[in-house]
C-alpha atoms as a PDB file:
ATOM      1  CA  MET A   1      87.574  99.074  64.223  1.00  0.00           C
ATOM      2  CA  ARG A   2      90.573  99.271  66.596  1.00  0.00           C
ATOM      3  CA  LEU A   3      93.901  98.737  64.829  1.00  0.00           C
ATOM      4  CA  SER A   4      96.085  96.009  66.206  1.00  0.00           C
ATOM      5  CA  LEU A   5      99.081  97.251  68.151  1.00  0.00           C
ATOM      6  CA  ALA A   6     101.503  95.837  65.587  1.00  0.00           C
ATOM      7  CA  LEU A   7      99.719  97.584  62.720  1.00  0.00           C
ATOM      8  CA  ALA A   8      99.438 100.833  64.643  1.00  0.00           C
ATOM      9  CA  LEU A   9     103.157 100.811  65.412  1.00  0.00           C
ATOM     10  CA  ALA A  10     104.009  99.965  61.805  1.00  0.00           C
ATOM     11  CA  LEU A  11     101.945 102.883  60.576  1.00  0.00           C
ATOM     12  CA  SER A  12     103.428 105.230  63.138  1.00  0.00           C
ATOM     13  CA  SER A  13     106.964 104.301  62.095  1.00  0.00           C
ATOM     14  CA  ALA A  14     106.110 104.914  58.437  1.00  0.00           C
ATOM     15  CA  LEU A  15     104.710 108.390  59.063  1.00  0.00           C
ATOM     16  CA  PRO A  16     106.477 111.523  60.292  1.00  0.00           C
ATOM     17  CA  ALA A  17     105.933 112.441  63.919  1.00  0.00           C
ATOM     18  CA  LEU A  18     102.965 114.686  64.546  1.00  0.00           C
ATOM     19  CA  ALA A  19     104.017 118.319  64.654  1.00  0.00           C
ATOM     20  CA  GLN A  20     102.493 120.459  67.374  1.00  0.00           C
ATOM     21  CA  ASP A  21     102.267 124.175  66.874  1.00  0.00           C
ATOM     22  CA  PHE A  22     103.350 126.595  69.569  1.00  0.00           C
ATOM     23  CA  PRO A  23     102.284 128.881  71.062  1.00  0.00           C
ATOM     24  CA  LEU A  24      99.639 126.497  72.374  1.00  0.00           C
ATOM     25  CA  THR A  25      96.625 127.603  74.425  1.00  0.00           C
ATOM     26  CA  LEU A  26      94.812 125.159  76.709  1.00  0.00           C
ATOM     27  CA  ASP A  27      91.668 125.680  78.765  1.00  0.00           C
ATOM     28  CA  THR A  28      91.968 124.966  82.484  1.00  0.00           C
ATOM     29  CA  LYS A  29      89.548 125.191  85.398  1.00  0.00           C
ATOM     30  CA  PHE A  30      91.231 128.503  86.262  1.00  0.00           C
ATOM     31  CA  GLY A  31      91.102 129.937  82.739  1.00  0.00           C
ATOM     32  CA  PRO A  32      93.155 129.603  79.550  1.00  0.00           C
ATOM     33  CA  VAL A  33      96.916 129.203  79.670  1.00  0.00           C
ATOM     34  CA  THR A  34      99.295 129.826  76.776  1.00  0.00           C
ATOM     35  CA  ILE A  35     102.536 127.883  76.382  1.00  0.00           C
ATOM     36  CA  PRO A  36     104.791 129.985  74.119  1.00  0.00           C
ATOM     37  CA  ASP A  37     107.306 127.343  73.007  1.00  0.00           C
ATOM     38  CA  ARG A  38     107.799 123.605  73.181  1.00  0.00           C
ATOM     39  CA  PRO A  39     108.981 123.174  76.782  1.00  0.00           C
ATOM     40  CA  GLU A  40     112.168 121.378  77.723  1.00  0.00           C
ATOM     41  CA  ARG A  41     112.313 122.190  81.439  1.00  0.00           C
ATOM     42  CA  VAL A  42     109.146 120.860  83.054  1.00  0.00           C
ATOM     43  CA  ALA A  43     108.160 120.816  86.713  1.00  0.00           C
ATOM     44  CA  THR A  44     105.217 118.801  88.011  1.00  0.00           C
ATOM     45  CA  LEU A  45     103.001 119.100  91.068  1.00  0.00           C
ATOM     46  CA  ASP A  46     100.919 116.071  90.147  1.00  0.00           C
ATOM     47  CA  TYR A  47     100.734 113.137  92.523  1.00  0.00           C
ATOM     48  CA  GLY A  48     102.636 110.479  90.598  1.00  0.00           C
ATOM     49  CA  GLY A  49     103.039 112.916  87.706  1.00  0.00           C
ATOM     50  CA  ALA A  50     106.795 112.572  87.286  1.00  0.00           C
ATOM     51  CA  ASP A  51     106.165 109.147  85.727  1.00  0.00           C
ATOM     52  CA  ASN A  52     104.406 110.510  82.659  1.00  0.00           C
ATOM     53  CA  LEU A  53     107.142 113.061  82.037  1.00  0.00           C
ATOM     54  CA  LEU A  54     109.777 110.319  82.171  1.00  0.00           C
ATOM     55  CA  ALA A  55     107.721 108.214  79.762  1.00  0.00           C
ATOM     56  CA  LEU A  56     107.671 111.154  77.329  1.00  0.00           C
ATOM     57  CA  GLY A  57     111.444 111.575  77.471  1.00  0.00           C
ATOM     58  CA  LEU A  58     111.637 114.450  79.959  1.00  0.00           C
ATOM     59  CA  GLN A  59     113.531 114.593  83.241  1.00  0.00           C
ATOM     60  CA  PRO A  60     111.128 116.204  85.750  1.00  0.00           C
ATOM     61  CA  LEU A  61     112.567 119.190  87.566  1.00  0.00           C
ATOM     62  CA  THR A  62     110.258 118.530  90.526  1.00  0.00           C
ATOM     63  CA  ALA A  63     108.200 115.607  91.848  1.00  0.00           C
ATOM     64  CA  ARG A  64     105.336 115.678  94.341  1.00  0.00           C
ATOM     65  CA  SER A  65     105.819 113.832  97.622  1.00  0.00           C
ATOM     66  CA  TRP A  66     103.094 111.236  98.054  1.00  0.00           C
ATOM     67  CA  PHE A  67     103.333 107.771  99.618  1.00  0.00           C
ATOM     68  CA  GLY A  68     105.346 104.572  99.530  1.00  0.00           C
ATOM     69  CA  PRO A  69     108.801 103.424 100.600  1.00  0.00           C
ATOM     70  CA  PHE A  70     110.769 105.586  98.150  1.00  0.00           C
ATOM     71  CA  GLU A  71     111.763 109.042  99.369  1.00  0.00           C
ATOM     72  CA  ASP A  72     112.370 110.305  95.827  1.00  0.00           C
ATOM     73  CA  GLY A  73     108.886 109.197  94.741  1.00  0.00           C
ATOM     74  CA  TYR A  74     110.250 106.891  92.038  1.00  0.00           C
ATOM     75  CA  TRP A  75     108.974 103.312  92.185  1.00  0.00           C
ATOM     76  CA  PRO A  76     110.717 100.430  90.338  1.00  0.00           C
ATOM     77  CA  TRP A  77     108.938 101.049  87.027  1.00  0.00           C
ATOM     78  CA  ALA A  78     110.318 104.594  86.839  1.00  0.00           C
ATOM     79  CA  ARG A  79     113.741 104.496  88.509  1.00  0.00           C
ATOM     80  CA  PRO A  80     115.661 103.093  85.467  1.00  0.00           C
ATOM     81  CA  LEU A  81     114.678 106.175  83.424  1.00  0.00           C
ATOM     82  CA  VAL A  82     115.910 108.743  85.948  1.00  0.00           C
ATOM     83  CA  ASP A  83     119.055 110.665  84.973  1.00  0.00           C
ATOM     84  CA  SER A  84     118.500 113.763  87.098  1.00  0.00           C
ATOM     85  CA  GLU A  85     117.037 113.752  90.605  1.00  0.00           C
ATOM     86  CA  PRO A  86     113.987 116.006  91.032  1.00  0.00           C
ATOM     87  CA  VAL A  87     113.357 118.546  93.763  1.00  0.00           C
ATOM     88  CA  MET A  88     110.720 116.996  96.006  1.00  0.00           C
ATOM     89  CA  ILE A  89     107.695 119.200  96.665  1.00  0.00           C
ATOM     90  CA  GLY A  90     105.496 118.491  99.661  1.00  0.00           C
ATOM     91  CA  ASP A  91     102.577 120.230 101.356  1.00  0.00           C
ATOM     92  CA  PRO A  92     102.344 123.145 101.685  1.00  0.00           C
ATOM     93  CA  ILE A  93     103.787 123.838  98.253  1.00  0.00           C
ATOM     94  CA  ASP A  94     107.233 125.434  98.306  1.00  0.00           C
ATOM     95  CA  PHE A  95     106.876 128.037  95.557  1.00  0.00           C
ATOM     96  CA  GLU A  96     110.440 129.277  95.948  1.00  0.00           C
ATOM     97  CA  ALA A  97     111.823 125.769  95.414  1.00  0.00           C
ATOM     98  CA  ILE A  98     109.802 125.439  92.222  1.00  0.00           C
ATOM     99  CA  ALA A  99     110.934 128.842  90.966  1.00  0.00           C
ATOM    100  CA  ALA A 100     114.562 127.901  91.643  1.00  0.00           C
ATOM    101  CA  THR A 101     114.318 125.061  89.096  1.00  0.00           C
ATOM    102  CA  ASP A 102     113.599 127.652  86.361  1.00  0.00           C
ATOM    103  CA  PRO A 103     110.851 125.701  84.573  1.00  0.00           C
ATOM    104  CA  ASP A 104     109.404 126.444  81.132  1.00  0.00           C
ATOM    105  CA  LEU A 105     106.160 124.754  82.188  1.00  0.00           C
ATOM    106  CA  ILE A 106     104.449 123.533  85.357  1.00  0.00           C
ATOM    107  CA  ILE A 107     102.121 120.531  85.161  1.00  0.00           C
ATOM    108  CA  ALA A 108      99.290 120.452  87.706  1.00  0.00           C
ATOM    109  CA  VAL A 109      96.515 118.318  86.204  1.00  0.00           C
ATOM    110  CA  ASN A 110      96.328 115.923  89.183  1.00  0.00           C
ATOM    111  CA  SER A 111      97.522 118.190  91.955  1.00  0.00           C
ATOM    112  CA  GLY A 112      94.597 119.707  93.839  1.00  0.00           C
ATOM    113  CA  ILE A 113      96.028 123.232  93.557  1.00  0.00           C
ATOM    114  CA  SER A 114      93.790 126.170  94.443  1.00  0.00           C
ATOM    115  CA  GLU A 115      93.122 129.273  92.376  1.00  0.00           C
ATOM    116  CA  THR A 116      95.534 131.164  94.641  1.00  0.00           C
ATOM    117  CA  ASP A 117      98.184 128.510  94.046  1.00  0.00           C
ATOM    118  CA  PHE A 118      97.572 128.733  90.308  1.00  0.00           C
ATOM    119  CA  ALA A 119      98.121 132.502  90.368  1.00  0.00           C
ATOM    120  CA  ARG A 120     101.379 132.203  92.316  1.00  0.00           C
ATOM    121  CA  LEU A 121     102.665 129.418  90.096  1.00  0.00           C
ATOM    122  CA  SER A 122     101.726 131.339  86.950  1.00  0.00           C
ATOM    123  CA  ALA A 123     104.165 134.049  87.996  1.00  0.00           C
ATOM    124  CA  ILE A 124     106.896 131.402  87.605  1.00  0.00           C
ATOM    125  CA  ALA A 125     105.829 129.682  84.350  1.00  0.00           C
ATOM    126  CA  PRO A 126     102.694 128.651  82.453  1.00  0.00           C
ATOM    127  CA  VAL A 127     100.629 126.226  84.541  1.00  0.00           C
ATOM    128  CA  VAL A 128      98.543 123.440  83.016  1.00  0.00           C
ATOM    129  CA  ALA A 129      95.811 122.609  85.527  1.00  0.00           C
ATOM    130  CA  THR A 130      92.959 120.168  85.085  1.00  0.00           C
ATOM    131  CA  ALA A 131      90.346 120.880  82.435  1.00  0.00           C
ATOM    132  CA  PRO A 132      87.142 122.849  83.140  1.00  0.00           C
ATOM    133  CA  GLY A 133      84.226 120.889  84.542  1.00  0.00           C
ATOM    134  CA  LEU A 134      86.323 118.173  86.213  1.00  0.00           C
ATOM    135  CA  GLY A 135      87.078 117.498  89.857  1.00  0.00           C
ATOM    136  CA  ASP A 136      90.665 117.936  91.028  1.00  0.00           C
ATOM    137  CA  PHE A 137      91.394 114.203  90.879  1.00  0.00           C
ATOM    138  CA  GLU A 138      88.754 112.995  88.419  1.00  0.00           C
ATOM    139  CA  LEU A 139      90.806 112.790  85.231  1.00  0.00           C
ATOM    140  CA  ASP A 140      91.588 109.167  84.361  1.00  0.00           C
ATOM    141  CA  TRP A 141      94.983 107.772  83.387  1.00  0.00           C
ATOM    142  CA  ARG A 142      94.454 108.326  79.679  1.00  0.00           C
ATOM    143  CA  GLY A 143      93.169 111.887  80.108  1.00  0.00           C
ATOM    144  CA  ARG A 144      96.147 112.841  82.265  1.00  0.00           C
ATOM    145  CA  ALA A 145      98.625 111.321  79.812  1.00  0.00           C
ATOM    146  CA  GLU A 146      96.998 113.022  76.815  1.00  0.00           C
ATOM    147  CA  ARG A 147      96.966 116.419  78.525  1.00  0.00           C
ATOM    148  CA  VAL A 148     100.597 116.197  79.609  1.00  0.00           C
ATOM    149  CA  ALA A 149     101.728 114.968  76.180  1.00  0.00           C
ATOM    150  CA  LEU A 150      99.873 117.788  74.429  1.00  0.00           C
ATOM    151  CA  ALA A 151     101.193 120.483  76.774  1.00  0.00           C
ATOM    152  CA  THR A 152     104.795 119.309  76.428  1.00  0.00           C
ATOM    153  CA  GLY A 153     104.703 119.008  72.642  1.00  0.00           C
ATOM    154  CA  ARG A 154     105.051 115.230  72.723  1.00  0.00           C
ATOM    155  CA  GLU A 155     101.585 114.229  71.563  1.00  0.00           C
ATOM    156  CA  ALA A 156     102.756 111.514  69.157  1.00  0.00           C
ATOM    157  CA  GLU A 157     104.806 109.713  71.820  1.00  0.00           C
ATOM    158  CA  GLY A 158     101.930 110.001  74.268  1.00  0.00           C
ATOM    159  CA  ALA A 159      99.502 108.500  71.741  1.00  0.00           C
ATOM    160  CA  ARG A 160     101.876 105.616  71.078  1.00  0.00           C
ATOM    161  CA  ARG A 161     102.254 104.837  74.775  1.00  0.00           C
ATOM    162  CA  ILE A 162      98.506 105.082  75.385  1.00  0.00           C
ATOM    163  CA  ALA A 163      97.769 102.720  72.484  1.00  0.00           C
ATOM    164  CA  GLU A 164     100.163 100.123  73.901  1.00  0.00           C
ATOM    165  CA  ILE A 165      98.491 100.215  77.319  1.00  0.00           C
ATOM    166  CA  GLU A 166      94.980 100.107  75.889  1.00  0.00           C
ATOM    167  CA  GLU A 167      95.993  97.081  73.867  1.00  0.00           C
ATOM    168  CA  GLN A 168      97.230  95.388  77.057  1.00  0.00           C
ATOM    169  CA  ILE A 169      94.031  96.264  78.928  1.00  0.00           C
ATOM    170  CA  ALA A 170      91.839  94.951  76.105  1.00  0.00           C
ATOM    171  CA  ALA A 171      93.826  91.722  75.899  1.00  0.00           C
ATOM    172  CA  LEU A 172      93.603  91.154  79.651  1.00  0.00           C
ATOM    173  CA  ALA A 173      89.845  91.792  79.696  1.00  0.00           C
ATOM    174  CA  GLU A 174      89.369  89.437  76.754  1.00  0.00           C
ATOM    175  CA  ALA A 175      91.381  86.734  78.492  1.00  0.00           C
ATOM    176  CA  HIS A 176      89.161  87.023  81.607  1.00  0.00           C
ATOM    177  CA  PRO A 177      85.528  87.111  80.452  1.00  0.00           C
ATOM    178  CA  ASP A 178      84.511  85.928  83.929  1.00  0.00           C
ATOM    179  CA  TRP A 179      85.423  89.383  85.273  1.00  0.00           C
ATOM    180  CA  ARG A 180      82.795  91.036  83.107  1.00  0.00           C
ATOM    181  CA  GLY A 181      79.944  92.457  85.144  1.00  0.00           C
ATOM    182  CA  ARG A 182      81.373  91.459  88.527  1.00  0.00           C
ATOM    183  CA  THR A 183      80.830  94.245  91.039  1.00  0.00           C
ATOM    184  CA  PHE A 184      83.512  95.866  93.182  1.00  0.00           C
ATOM    185  CA  ALA A 185      84.108  98.535  95.808  1.00  0.00           C
ATOM    186  CA  MET A 186      87.387 100.175  96.816  1.00  0.00           C
ATOM    187  CA  MET A 187      87.819 101.438 100.359  1.00  0.00           C
ATOM    188  CA  THR A 188      90.220 102.464 103.077  1.00  0.00           C
ATOM    189  CA  PHE A 189      90.138 103.358 106.777  1.00  0.00           C
ATOM    190  CA  TRP A 190      91.401 106.862 107.379  1.00  0.00           C
ATOM    191  CA  ASP A 191      91.006 109.476 110.103  1.00  0.00           C
ATOM    192  CA  GLY A 192      88.799 107.185 112.161  1.00  0.00           C
ATOM    193  CA  ALA A 193      86.301 106.405 109.412  1.00  0.00           C
ATOM    194  CA  VAL A 194      85.751 104.208 106.373  1.00  0.00           C
ATOM    195  CA  GLY A 195      86.634 105.970 103.131  1.00  0.00           C
ATOM    196  CA  LEU A 196      85.029 104.965  99.848  1.00  0.00           C
ATOM    197  CA  TYR A 197      86.525 105.676  96.424  1.00  0.00           C
ATOM    198  CA  THR A 198      83.734 106.944  94.222  1.00  0.00           C
ATOM    199  CA  ALA A 199      82.708 106.123  90.672  1.00  0.00           C
ATOM    200  CA  SER A 200      84.766 109.165  89.573  1.00  0.00           C
ATOM    201  CA  ASP A 201      88.021 107.939  91.085  1.00  0.00           C
ATOM    202  CA  PRO A 202      90.633 107.027  88.424  1.00  0.00           C
ATOM    203  CA  THR A 203      91.461 103.687  90.050  1.00  0.00           C
ATOM    204  CA  VAL A 204      87.768 102.763  90.029  1.00  0.00           C
ATOM    205  CA  GLN A 205      87.581 103.821  86.377  1.00  0.00           C
ATOM    206  CA  PHE A 206      90.627 101.668  85.633  1.00  0.00           C
ATOM    207  CA  LEU A 207      89.119  98.483  87.093  1.00  0.00           C
ATOM    208  CA  ALA A 208      85.977  99.220  85.105  1.00  0.00           C
ATOM    209  CA  GLN A 209      88.088  99.125  81.935  1.00  0.00           C
ATOM    210  CA  LEU A 210      88.891  95.502  82.766  1.00  0.00           C
ATOM    211  CA  GLY A 211      85.196  94.609  82.655  1.00  0.00           C
ATOM    212  CA  LEU A 212      84.367  94.933  86.357  1.00  0.00           C
ATOM    213  CA  GLU A 213      81.545  97.251  87.442  1.00  0.00           C
ATOM    214  CA  PRO A 214      81.410  99.602  90.436  1.00  0.00           C
ATOM    215  CA  HIS A 215      78.789  98.296  92.857  1.00  0.00           C
ATOM    216  CA  PRO A 216      75.443 100.070  92.289  1.00  0.00           C
ATOM    217  CA  LYS A 217      75.578 101.512  95.812  1.00  0.00           C
ATOM    218  CA  VAL A 218      78.960 103.097  94.979  1.00  0.00           C
ATOM    219  CA  VAL A 219      77.426 104.751  91.932  1.00  0.00           C
ATOM    220  CA  GLU A 220      74.349 105.843  93.914  1.00  0.00           C
ATOM    221  CA  ILE A 221      76.237 107.675  96.658  1.00  0.00           C
ATOM    222  CA  SER A 222      79.104 109.115  94.576  1.00  0.00           C
ATOM    223  CA  PRO A 223      78.980 112.944  94.568  1.00  0.00           C
ATOM    224  CA  PRO A 224      79.721 114.440  91.117  1.00  0.00           C
ATOM    225  CA  GLY A 225      83.399 115.266  90.693  1.00  0.00           C
ATOM    226  CA  ALA A 226      84.487 113.856  94.064  1.00  0.00           C
ATOM    227  CA  PHE A 227      86.919 110.950  94.073  1.00  0.00           C
ATOM    228  CA  TYR A 228      86.478 109.984  97.731  1.00  0.00           C
ATOM    229  CA  LEU A 229      84.012 110.269 100.581  1.00  0.00           C
ATOM    230  CA  GLN A 230      83.719 109.088 104.156  1.00  0.00           C
ATOM    231  CA  ILE A 231      80.906 106.655 104.868  1.00  0.00           C
ATOM    232  CA  SER A 232      79.355 105.097 107.944  1.00  0.00           C
ATOM    233  CA  GLU A 233      80.363 101.511 108.531  1.00  0.00           C
ATOM    234  CA  GLU A 234      76.655 100.781 108.937  1.00  0.00           C
ATOM    235  CA  ILE A 235      76.201 100.893 105.154  1.00  0.00           C
ATOM    236  CA  LEU A 236      78.974  98.357 104.449  1.00  0.00           C
ATOM    237  CA  PRO A 237      76.463  95.490 104.061  1.00  0.00           C
ATOM    238  CA  GLU A 238      74.853  97.548 101.276  1.00  0.00           C
ATOM    239  CA  LEU A 239      78.223  97.475  99.479  1.00  0.00           C
ATOM    240  CA  ASP A 240      78.153  93.678  99.260  1.00  0.00           C
ATOM    241  CA  ALA A 241      80.252  93.494  96.103  1.00  0.00           C
ATOM    242  CA  ASP A 242      81.830  90.511  94.378  1.00  0.00           C
ATOM    243  CA  LEU A 243      85.206  92.120  95.109  1.00  0.00           C
ATOM    244  CA  VAL A 244      86.321  94.534  97.825  1.00  0.00           C
ATOM    245  CA  VAL A 245      89.701  96.258  97.596  1.00  0.00           C
ATOM    246  CA  TRP A 246      91.047  97.739 100.819  1.00  0.00           C
ATOM    247  CA  TYR A 247      93.916 100.202 100.627  1.00  0.00           C
ATOM    248  CA  GLU A 248      95.149  98.852 103.941  1.00  0.00           C
ATOM    249  CA  ALA A 249      97.640  96.224 105.046  1.00  0.00           C
ATOM    250  CA  PRO A 250      96.384  92.639 105.377  1.00  0.00           C
ATOM    251  CA  GLY A 251      94.937  92.135 108.839  1.00  0.00           C
ATOM    252  CA  ASP A 252      94.669  95.865 109.536  1.00  0.00           C
ATOM    253  CA  PRO A 253      93.086  96.014 113.023  1.00  0.00           C
ATOM    254  CA  ASP A 254      90.791  98.929 112.220  1.00  0.00           C
ATOM    255  CA  VAL A 255      89.332  97.130 109.220  1.00  0.00           C
ATOM    256  CA  MET A 256      89.089  93.811 111.073  1.00  0.00           C
ATOM    257  CA  ALA A 257      87.130  95.543 113.871  1.00  0.00           C
ATOM    258  CA  LEU A 258      84.450  96.972 111.567  1.00  0.00           C
ATOM    259  CA  ALA A 259      81.168  95.389 112.598  1.00  0.00           C
ATOM    260  CA  GLY A 260      79.562  96.364 109.296  1.00  0.00           C
ATOM    261  CA  ARG A 261      82.199  94.418 107.373  1.00  0.00           C
ATOM    262  CA  GLN A 262      80.836  91.178 108.838  1.00  0.00           C
ATOM    263  CA  GLY A 263      77.580  91.824 106.992  1.00  0.00           C
ATOM    264  CA  MET A 264      79.373  91.508 103.651  1.00  0.00           C
ATOM    265  CA  ARG A 265      80.109  88.318 101.694  1.00  0.00           C
ATOM    266  CA  ALA A 266      83.677  89.401 101.028  1.00  0.00           C
ATOM    267  CA  PRO A 267      85.348  88.382 104.326  1.00  0.00           C
ATOM    268  CA  ALA A 268      83.711  84.942 104.486  1.00  0.00           C
ATOM    269  CA  GLU A 269      84.252  84.142 100.800  1.00  0.00           C
ATOM    270  CA  GLY A 270      87.822  85.461 100.455  1.00  0.00           C
ATOM    271  CA  ARG A 271      86.760  88.261  98.116  1.00  0.00           C
ATOM    272  CA  GLU A 272      88.967  90.961  99.687  1.00  0.00           C
ATOM    273  CA  ILE A 273      92.263  92.301  98.357  1.00  0.00           C
ATOM    274  CA  PHE A 274      94.411  94.241 100.833  1.00  0.00           C
ATOM    275  CA  LEU A 275      97.024  96.664  99.502  1.00  0.00           C
ATOM    276  CA  SER A 276      99.443  98.213 101.999  1.00  0.00           C
ATOM    277  CA  LEU A 277     101.100 101.578 101.465  1.00  0.00           C
ATOM    278  CA  ASP A 278     104.315  99.808 100.473  1.00  0.00           C
ATOM    279  CA  SER A 279     102.581  97.476  98.018  1.00  0.00           C
ATOM    280  CA  GLU A 280     103.852  97.821  94.460  1.00  0.00           C
ATOM    281  CA  VAL A 281     100.367  96.989  93.172  1.00  0.00           C
ATOM    282  CA  ASN A 282      98.953  99.829  95.285  1.00  0.00           C
ATOM    283  CA  GLY A 283     101.644 102.199  94.019  1.00  0.00           C
ATOM    284  CA  ALA A 284     101.226 101.217  90.383  1.00  0.00           C
ATOM    285  CA  MET A 285      97.440 101.486  90.418  1.00  0.00           C
ATOM    286  CA  SER A 286      97.405 104.742  92.378  1.00  0.00           C
ATOM    287  CA  TYR A 287     100.029 106.369  90.138  1.00  0.00           C
ATOM    288  CA  GLY A 288      98.061 105.301  87.046  1.00  0.00           C
ATOM    289  CA  SER A 289     100.832 106.386  84.695  1.00  0.00           C
ATOM    290  CA  LEU A 290     102.251 105.425  81.330  1.00  0.00           C
ATOM    291  CA  LEU A 291     105.014 103.619  83.230  1.00  0.00           C
ATOM    292  CA  SER A 292     103.119 102.083  86.145  1.00  0.00           C
ATOM    293  CA  LEU A 293     100.151 100.553  84.324  1.00  0.00           C
ATOM    294  CA  PRO A 294     102.170  98.085  82.199  1.00  0.00           C
ATOM    295  CA  PHE A 295     103.944  97.072  85.426  1.00  0.00           C
ATOM    296  CA  LEU A 296     100.568  96.630  87.148  1.00  0.00           C
ATOM    297  CA  LEU A 297      98.572  94.566  84.697  1.00  0.00           C
ATOM    298  CA  ASP A 298     100.431  91.245  84.977  1.00  0.00           C
ATOM    299  CA  ARG A 299     100.577  91.505  88.761  1.00  0.00           C
ATOM    300  CA  LEU A 300      96.948  92.456  89.249  1.00  0.00           C
ATOM    301  CA  ALA A 301      95.380  89.608  87.255  1.00  0.00           C
ATOM    302  CA  PRO A 302      96.286  86.775  89.682  1.00  0.00           C
ATOM    303  CA  MET A 303      94.962  88.833  92.599  1.00  0.00           C
ATOM    304  CA  LEU A 304      91.630  89.437  90.875  1.00  0.00           C
ATOM    305  CA  ASP A 305      91.296  85.777  89.901  1.00  0.00           C
ATOM    306  CA  ALA A 306      91.957  84.613  93.443  1.00  0.00           C
ATOM    307  CA  ALA A 307      89.511  87.072  95.012  1.00  0.00           C
ATOM    308  CA  LEU A 308      86.716  86.562  92.509  1.00  0.00           C
ATOM    309  CA  ASP A 309      86.601  82.766  92.738  1.00  0.00           C
ATOM    310  CA  GLY A 310      84.613  82.953  95.973  1.00  0.00           C
ATOM    311  CA  ASP A 311      86.800  80.326  97.647  1.00  0.00           C
ATOM    312  CA  PRO A 312      88.260  81.593 100.938  1.00  0.00           C
ATOM    313  CA  THR A 313      91.012  78.958 100.809  1.00  0.00           C
ATOM    314  CA  THR A 314      92.510  80.434  97.620  1.00  0.00           C
ATOM    315  CA  PRO A 315      95.541  82.506  98.659  1.00  0.00           C
ATOM    316  CA  ILE A 316      95.627  86.012  97.219  1.00  0.00           C
ATOM    317  CA  PRO A 317      99.134  87.045  96.120  1.00  0.00           C
ATOM    318  CA  LEU A 318     100.430  90.013  98.084  1.00  0.00           C
ATOM    319  CA  GLU A 319     102.116  91.459  94.979  1.00  0.00           C
END
């Protein structure tokens, strides 16, 4: 039986913090990596990965450039914790800039690095990549947080933060039993084609934790380990879910022009949620971090309620 959050926190305060032994060896998709000592200077190449380091009490030496209106990569849920500005790392990876930060550890569990990248980075510091058997961007929010907390020697703090979020997720799902079993699909329009987020995508996995279910067609066509695939707009009517989330701005002309979209219930019944690149809900869900998810949950619920009621006159909050 799951402990209540209050009881779990009371027990954690009564017990000494978990001690992690170093050196610590972790398996990665590129082979084992050994971290000799508890790291204090940590760089990250993860998309949105600086958040989890901040949540664990570390100031990231680097942060990966991604999307959104903030050049430093820090959205409102993270900015209050920042004491030291990170070096921003874009694509291609600037290995010299990373080396100049003199890290004890490099986190790359949600980074998409190649084996060649891993070798070059390993000449700088130990590199924690994603675990064997997983796609580059398949690890869910909890798995990423656990791996980062373990690698940095902050497992107890990570467990505490994860328990708090899981308690929030469970409470929200319990408060909305009408979400249970409702189907959804998450899509975008990119590079001239419709993009579908697969059953392996962490944001899809997150909505499933709230009781929603990926549409059966999403599950059917999802390649193992891939988080995203391009699809023909002709199959959109086969993705006739109770909820469709578009990672596009409301009224996006490319989405509005999709003939296949008109074969879905979602447009006529107001079952679509549009999330622009500047949307805080988009940022918080995409980052999927120990800091962003608590920020997300209260804001997401009204959007889901409005979209799932099947009434096109119900306005869907933009944030």
